[in-house]
Amino acid sequence: MTVTPPIKLIIQIPCLNEEETLPVTIGDLPRKLDGVDCIEYLVIDDGSTDRTSQVARELGVHHVVRFTSNKGLARAFCAGMEYALTHGADIIVNTDADNQYYGPDIEKLVRPIVDGRADVVIGDREPQTIAHFSFAKKQLQFWGSWVVRQLSGTEVPDTTSGFRAYSREAALRINVVSEFTYTLETIIQAGRQSMALTHVPVRTNPMLRKSRLFRSIPSYLKRSASTMLRVFTMYKPLRMFTFIGGLLLLLGMIPGVRFIYLYAIGEGEGHIQSLILAAILIIMGFQVCVLGVVADLIANNRKLVENVLYLTRRMAYRKPGTDSASEEDSR
């Protein structure tokens, strides 16, 4: 007779100076869910200067991780994932401390994972319908999500949503290198690693405070674009470098063909600049293509390193009462 192991859910909440909003957020979280045997809360205090950690303990939060200095949202997210894995989480849900997301909708997030239909579930806030979002922010959300979908090969409509759930298997495979935010990078990673990723509509609560993730829209655009470019280059370096190198080669051919034509009709004298420009661009293009090959070899090595890291995590975070064979069967 096969005994189904109990399913443990840990809801993690990265926090920075959230002593006022944290009680509302905690109060909105579910205590019971169908198909889940144990629910625990985890607060990651990212170097708060107020009473965030003390308030979390007073509210009965099961786990509190505190940084002595502010390390950023991405580092807080990763610390929470590692801690949750260490403490036996089968499902990890991430939510924000400002009570932006409607807590009871966590049931929607975990259902596809409990049913074995997904490894990563993203909550779709339907940003175009959120009243307190400005027109500019709605447009940024729309076009930014479109770009991430193209880079990741997924169909997630709200890629910046921090309301999401990860299976244990997905959490073991996620590696965040960005120091800005985890939202875009983890979706691109999930897509490029062919994880089972889906999305569900979720509701939002009235705004309690303004976002602290970025100072201005230009700053957000700059950092988000940098993150997307870095992650895509990590996973598809050959495509990226050959595109740039091919563009340089094409640009180099234009003055080169012009010089050859003028030389053929006897008017090449005085147009040596075109030949020099063509040579420079063609050499640069060739070098960039070679860099693409080298980067692709490095990317293949990174895949091997990720597999080693994944296996190491599986051993380090093995749940009591399980063995390697049963874990392999659950994949």
Protein backbone atom coordinates (compact mmCIF):
# COMPACT_ATOMS: atom_id res chain seq x y z
CA MET A 1 0.00 0.00 0.00
CA THR A 2 1.40 3.38 -1.06
CA VAL A 3 1.28 6.09 1.60
CA THR A 4 1.01 9.64 0.29
CA PRO A 5 3.50 11.86 2.14
CA PRO A 6 2.10 15.01 3.79
CA ILE A 7 2.40 18.23 1.78
CA LYS A 8 3.99 21.20 3.53
CA LEU A 9 3.47 24.76 2.28
CA ILE A 10 5.69 27.63 3.39
CA ILE A 11 4.53 31.15 2.53
CA GLN A 12 7.51 33.49 2.42
CA ILE A 13 7.28 37.25 2.78
CA PRO A 14 10.34 39.44 2.03
CA CYS A 15 10.11 42.57 4.20
CA LEU A 16 11.79 45.95 4.51
CA ASN A 17 10.38 48.24 7.21
CA GLU A 18 6.91 46.66 7.16
CA GLU A 19 5.88 46.86 10.84
CA GLU A 20 2.69 48.70 9.87
CA THR A 21 1.57 46.59 6.90
CA LEU A 22 2.76 43.17 8.08
CA PRO A 23 -0.17 42.55 10.48
CA VAL A 24 -2.63 43.13 7.63
CA THR A 25 -0.67 40.85 5.30
CA ILE A 26 -0.38 38.02 7.85
CA GLY A 27 -4.06 38.33 8.72
CA ASP A 28 -4.99 37.85 5.05
CA LEU A 29 -3.07 34.57 4.64
CA PRO A 30 -4.88 31.19 4.66
CA ARG A 31 -4.59 28.84 7.63
CA LYS A 32 -5.90 25.74 5.82
CA LEU A 33 -5.99 24.59 2.20
CA ASP A 34 -7.41 21.46 0.60
CA GLY A 35 -4.61 19.07 -0.32
CA VAL A 36 -2.09 20.79 1.96
CA ASP A 37 -1.37 19.23 5.33
CA CYS A 38 0.78 21.96 6.91
CA ILE A 39 1.03 25.72 6.33
CA GLU A 40 3.82 27.81 7.83
CA TYR A 41 4.80 31.46 7.40
CA LEU A 42 8.32 32.77 6.81
CA VAL A 43 9.34 36.43 7.08
CA ILE A 44 12.66 37.52 5.57
CA ASP A 45 13.60 40.82 7.20
CA ASP A 46 15.88 42.56 4.71
CA GLY A 47 17.74 44.77 7.18
CA SER A 48 14.71 46.70 8.46
CA THR A 49 15.33 49.61 10.80
CA ASP A 50 11.89 49.34 12.41
CA ARG A 51 10.21 46.55 14.42
CA THR A 52 9.43 44.27 11.48
CA SER A 53 11.07 41.17 13.00
CA GLN A 54 9.55 41.74 16.44
CA VAL A 55 6.09 42.29 14.93
CA ALA A 56 6.45 39.08 12.90
CA ARG A 57 7.21 37.10 16.07
CA GLU A 58 4.37 38.78 17.96
CA LEU A 59 2.02 37.73 15.16
CA GLY A 60 3.07 34.10 15.56
CA VAL A 61 5.06 33.80 12.34
CA HIS A 62 6.70 30.37 12.36
CA HIS A 63 10.06 31.42 10.90
CA VAL A 64 11.92 34.75 10.84
CA VAL A 65 15.17 35.29 8.93
CA ARG A 66 16.83 38.65 9.53
CA PHE A 67 19.62 40.34 7.57
CA THR A 68 21.78 42.79 9.51
CA SER A 69 21.85 45.09 6.47
CA ASN A 70 19.70 45.64 3.39
CA LYS A 71 20.69 43.21 0.64
CA GLY A 72 17.88 43.75 -1.85
CA LEU A 73 14.73 41.92 -2.90
CA ALA A 74 16.49 39.27 -5.00
CA ARG A 75 18.80 38.24 -2.12
CA ALA A 76 15.86 38.15 0.31
CA PHE A 77 13.86 35.97 -2.09
CA CYS A 78 16.77 33.53 -2.51
CA ALA A 79 17.36 33.35 1.24
CA GLY A 80 13.70 32.53 1.75
CA MET A 81 13.77 29.78 -0.87
CA GLU A 82 16.87 28.20 0.68
CA TYR A 83 15.39 28.39 4.17
CA ALA A 84 12.08 26.90 3.06
CA LEU A 85 13.85 24.00 1.35
CA THR A 86 15.93 23.40 4.47
CA HIS A 87 12.74 23.21 6.54
CA GLY A 88 11.01 20.66 4.33
CA ALA A 89 8.73 22.77 2.13
CA ASP A 90 7.01 20.89 -0.70
CA ILE A 91 5.50 24.10 -2.05
CA ILE A 92 6.83 27.64 -1.59
CA VAL A 93 4.58 30.66 -2.13
CA ASN A 94 6.04 34.14 -2.35
CA THR A 95 3.93 37.18 -1.54
CA ASP A 96 4.61 40.85 -0.77
CA ALA A 97 4.51 42.39 2.70
CA ASP A 98 2.48 45.41 1.59
CA ASN A 99 -0.66 43.23 1.28
CA GLN A 100 -0.86 43.98 -2.44
CA TYR A 101 -2.06 40.44 -3.17
CA TYR A 102 -5.30 38.86 -1.99
CA GLY A 103 -4.19 36.15 0.45
CA PRO A 104 -7.06 33.66 -0.10
CA ASP A 105 -5.99 33.38 -3.76
CA ILE A 106 -2.98 31.38 -2.58
CA GLU A 107 -5.31 28.41 -3.01
CA LYS A 108 -5.38 29.16 -6.76
CA LEU A 109 -1.58 29.29 -6.87
CA VAL A 110 -0.93 25.99 -5.15
CA ARG A 111 -3.73 23.98 -6.82
CA PRO A 112 -1.87 23.27 -10.11
CA ILE A 113 1.16 22.11 -8.11
CA VAL A 114 -0.86 19.93 -5.74
CA ASP A 115 -2.60 18.37 -8.76
CA GLY A 116 0.76 17.71 -10.43
CA ARG A 117 0.05 19.99 -13.41
CA ALA A 118 2.76 22.61 -12.85
CA ASP A 119 6.06 23.35 -11.13
CA VAL A 120 5.78 27.16 -11.22
CA VAL A 121 2.55 29.17 -11.00
CA ILE A 122 2.46 32.94 -11.52
CA GLY A 123 -0.40 35.05 -10.21
CA ASP A 124 -1.84 37.26 -12.97
CA ARG A 125 -3.01 40.54 -11.46
CA GLU A 126 -4.40 41.67 -14.84
CA PRO A 127 -2.49 44.98 -14.46
CA GLN A 128 -4.56 46.78 -17.10
CA THR A 129 -7.57 46.60 -14.75
CA ILE A 130 -5.85 47.86 -11.57
CA ALA A 131 -7.26 51.30 -10.79
CA HIS A 132 -4.28 52.74 -8.89
CA PHE A 133 -1.80 51.87 -11.68
CA SER A 134 -1.01 54.90 -13.84
CA PHE A 135 -1.33 54.72 -17.64
CA ALA A 136 2.47 54.74 -17.97
CA LYS A 137 2.86 51.88 -15.49
CA LYS A 138 0.21 49.82 -17.28
CA GLN A 139 2.02 50.28 -20.58
CA LEU A 140 5.35 49.34 -19.02
CA GLN A 141 3.78 46.22 -17.52
CA PHE A 142 2.23 45.25 -20.86
CA TRP A 143 5.29 45.73 -23.06
CA GLY A 144 7.73 44.49 -20.43
CA SER A 145 5.75 41.27 -20.06
CA TRP A 146 5.67 40.90 -23.85
CA VAL A 147 9.47 41.13 -24.01
CA VAL A 148 9.91 38.57 -21.22
CA ARG A 149 7.51 36.19 -22.99
CA GLN A 150 9.62 36.39 -26.13
CA LEU A 151 12.84 35.77 -24.19
CA SER A 152 11.46 32.94 -22.08
CA GLY A 153 9.20 31.19 -24.56
CA THR A 154 6.33 31.27 -22.05
CA GLU A 155 2.81 32.69 -22.05
CA VAL A 156 2.86 34.49 -18.68
CA PRO A 157 0.80 37.70 -19.02
CA ASP A 158 2.02 39.38 -15.79
CA THR A 159 5.74 38.70 -15.54
CA THR A 160 6.47 41.23 -12.77
CA SER A 161 3.98 39.69 -10.36
CA GLY A 162 5.65 38.63 -7.12
CA PHE A 163 2.66 36.47 -6.17
CA ARG A 164 3.78 33.01 -7.25
CA ALA A 165 4.23 29.41 -6.16
CA TYR A 166 7.08 26.96 -6.71
CA SER A 167 7.17 23.22 -6.30
CA ARG A 168 10.09 21.77 -4.37
CA GLU A 169 11.58 20.52 -7.63
CA ALA A 170 11.42 23.98 -9.22
CA ALA A 171 12.88 25.65 -6.13
CA LEU A 172 15.85 23.26 -6.23
CA ARG A 173 16.58 24.31 -9.82
CA ILE A 174 16.15 28.08 -9.51
CA ASN A 175 19.37 30.14 -9.46
CA VAL A 176 19.04 33.92 -9.23
CA VAL A 177 22.11 36.00 -10.12
CA SER A 178 20.43 39.40 -10.31
CA GLU A 179 20.68 41.69 -7.28
CA PHE A 180 17.67 43.77 -8.36
CA THR A 181 14.65 41.48 -8.64
CA TYR A 182 13.89 37.80 -9.09
CA THR A 183 10.60 38.10 -11.00
CA LEU A 184 11.88 38.38 -14.57
CA GLU A 185 14.93 36.15 -14.18
CA THR A 186 13.08 33.21 -12.66
CA ILE A 187 10.49 33.19 -15.46
CA ILE A 188 13.20 33.23 -18.14
CA GLN A 189 15.02 30.45 -16.29
CA ALA A 190 11.86 28.37 -15.95
CA GLY A 191 11.09 28.78 -19.64
CA ARG A 192 14.60 27.95 -20.80
CA GLN A 193 14.78 24.92 -18.49
CA SER A 194 11.41 23.66 -19.80
CA MET A 195 9.74 23.69 -16.40
CA ALA A 196 5.97 23.23 -16.29
CA LEU A 197 4.92 26.86 -15.86
CA THR A 198 1.40 28.26 -15.80
CA HIS A 199 -0.51 31.29 -14.56
CA VAL A 200 -3.80 31.91 -12.76
CA PRO A 201 -5.86 35.09 -12.29
CA VAL A 202 -5.52 36.60 -8.82
CA ARG A 203 -7.05 39.56 -7.07
CA THR A 204 -5.31 42.53 -5.47
CA ASN A 205 -6.07 44.58 -2.36
CA PRO A 206 -6.27 48.38 -2.08
CA MET A 207 -2.83 50.01 -2.03
CA LEU A 208 -1.41 50.58 1.45
CA ARG A 209 1.80 52.30 0.34
CA LYS A 210 3.78 53.12 -2.81
CA SER A 211 6.23 50.64 -4.29
CA ARG A 212 9.82 50.81 -2.95
CA LEU A 213 11.37 48.61 -5.62
CA PHE A 214 12.49 51.50 -7.82
CA ARG A 215 12.95 55.24 -7.49
CA SER A 216 11.64 56.22 -10.93
CA ILE A 217 10.35 54.72 -14.16
CA PRO A 218 13.65 55.34 -16.06
CA SER A 219 15.56 53.61 -13.24
CA TYR A 220 13.17 50.66 -13.35
CA LEU A 221 13.46 50.40 -17.13
CA LYS A 222 17.24 50.49 -17.02
CA ARG A 223 17.58 47.82 -14.35
CA SER A 224 14.89 45.56 -15.80
CA ALA A 225 16.38 45.74 -19.30
CA SER A 226 19.82 44.98 -17.88
CA THR A 227 18.46 41.94 -16.03
CA MET A 228 16.63 40.57 -19.09
CA LEU A 229 19.65 41.08 -21.35
CA ARG A 230 22.03 39.43 -18.86
CA VAL A 231 19.80 36.40 -18.28
CA PHE A 232 19.03 35.85 -21.96
CA THR A 233 22.73 36.13 -22.80
CA MET A 234 23.43 33.49 -20.16
CA TYR A 235 21.00 31.05 -21.75
CA LYS A 236 21.26 31.97 -25.45
CA PRO A 237 24.73 33.51 -25.90
CA LEU A 238 25.33 32.15 -29.41
CA ARG A 239 22.11 33.69 -30.71
CA MET A 240 22.84 37.01 -29.04
CA PHE A 241 26.45 37.33 -30.18
CA THR A 242 25.87 36.04 -33.72
CA PHE A 243 23.03 38.56 -34.10
CA ILE A 244 25.33 41.43 -33.08
CA GLY A 245 28.25 40.03 -35.07
CA GLY A 246 26.07 39.48 -38.14
CA LEU A 247 24.83 43.06 -37.91
CA LEU A 248 28.41 44.35 -37.82
CA LEU A 249 29.36 42.15 -40.77
CA LEU A 250 26.39 43.46 -42.75
CA LEU A 251 27.27 47.06 -41.93
CA GLY A 252 30.86 46.36 -42.96
CA MET A 253 29.79 44.96 -46.32
CA ILE A 254 27.97 48.16 -47.29
CA PRO A 255 31.06 50.45 -47.55
CA GLY A 256 33.08 47.44 -48.78
CA VAL A 257 30.76 46.81 -51.73
CA ARG A 258 30.67 50.55 -52.40
CA PHE A 259 34.47 50.69 -52.58
CA ILE A 260 34.64 47.63 -54.85
CA TYR A 261 32.10 49.17 -57.18
CA LEU A 262 33.92 52.49 -57.35
CA TYR A 263 37.24 50.69 -57.83
CA ALA A 264 35.77 48.61 -60.67
CA ILE A 265 34.65 51.70 -62.57
CA GLY A 266 37.99 53.38 -62.00
CA GLU A 267 36.95 55.82 -59.27
CA GLY A 268 38.39 54.00 -56.27
CA GLU A 269 41.05 56.63 -55.62
CA GLY A 270 40.06 58.90 -52.75
CA HIS A 271 37.61 56.41 -51.22
CA ILE A 272 40.08 54.48 -49.10
CA GLN A 273 38.09 55.49 -45.99
CA SER A 274 35.28 53.17 -47.11
CA LEU A 275 37.72 50.28 -47.34
CA ILE A 276 39.13 51.00 -43.88
CA LEU A 277 35.65 51.28 -42.36
CA ALA A 278 34.57 48.03 -44.03
CA ALA A 279 37.65 46.21 -42.74
CA ILE A 280 37.12 47.46 -39.18
CA LEU A 281 33.43 46.48 -39.09
CA ILE A 282 34.02 43.05 -40.68
CA ILE A 283 36.86 42.26 -38.24
CA MET A 284 34.72 43.38 -35.30
CA GLY A 285 31.80 41.28 -36.54
CA PHE A 286 33.99 38.21 -36.91
CA GLN A 287 35.42 38.70 -33.41
CA VAL A 288 31.95 39.06 -31.89
CA CYS A 289 30.84 35.82 -33.60
CA VAL A 290 33.90 34.06 -32.18
CA LEU A 291 33.00 35.43 -28.74
CA GLY A 292 29.54 33.94 -29.26
CA VAL A 293 31.05 30.48 -29.80
CA VAL A 294 33.19 30.84 -26.68
CA ALA A 295 30.22 32.11 -24.66
CA ASP A 296 28.12 29.17 -25.88
CA LEU A 297 30.77 26.74 -24.65
CA ILE A 298 30.78 28.54 -21.29
CA ALA A 299 26.96 28.34 -21.20
CA ASN A 300 27.12 24.58 -21.75
CA ASN A 301 29.57 24.34 -18.85
CA ARG A 302 27.19 26.43 -16.73
CA LYS A 303 24.45 23.85 -17.42
CA LEU A 304 26.70 21.15 -16.03
CA VAL A 305 27.41 23.30 -12.96
CA GLU A 306 23.67 23.89 -12.48
CA ASN A 307 23.03 20.15 -12.61
CA VAL A 308 25.74 19.56 -10.00
CA LEU A 309 24.25 22.33 -7.82
CA TYR A 310 20.79 20.80 -8.22
CA LEU A 311 22.00 17.35 -7.14
CA THR A 312 23.91 18.89 -4.24
CA ARG A 313 20.78 20.71 -3.09
CA ARG A 314 18.71 17.55 -3.34
CA MET A 315 21.11 15.80 -1.01
CA ALA A 316 21.53 18.77 1.33
CA TYR A 317 17.78 19.47 1.58
CA ARG A 318 16.57 15.88 1.57
CA LYS A 319 13.41 15.59 3.61
CA PRO A 320 13.42 13.20 6.56
CA GLY A 321 11.89 9.84 5.67
CA THR A 322 12.71 10.05 1.95
CA ASP A 323 15.44 8.40 -0.03
CA SER A 324 17.05 9.11 -3.39
CA ALA A 325 14.90 6.50 -5.16
CA SER A 326 11.60 7.97 -4.01
CA GLU A 327 12.78 11.48 -4.91
CA GLU A 328 13.72 10.29 -8.36
CA ASP A 329 10.26 8.75 -8.83
CA SER A 330 8.64 12.04 -7.88
CA ARG A 331 10.36 14.02 -10.60
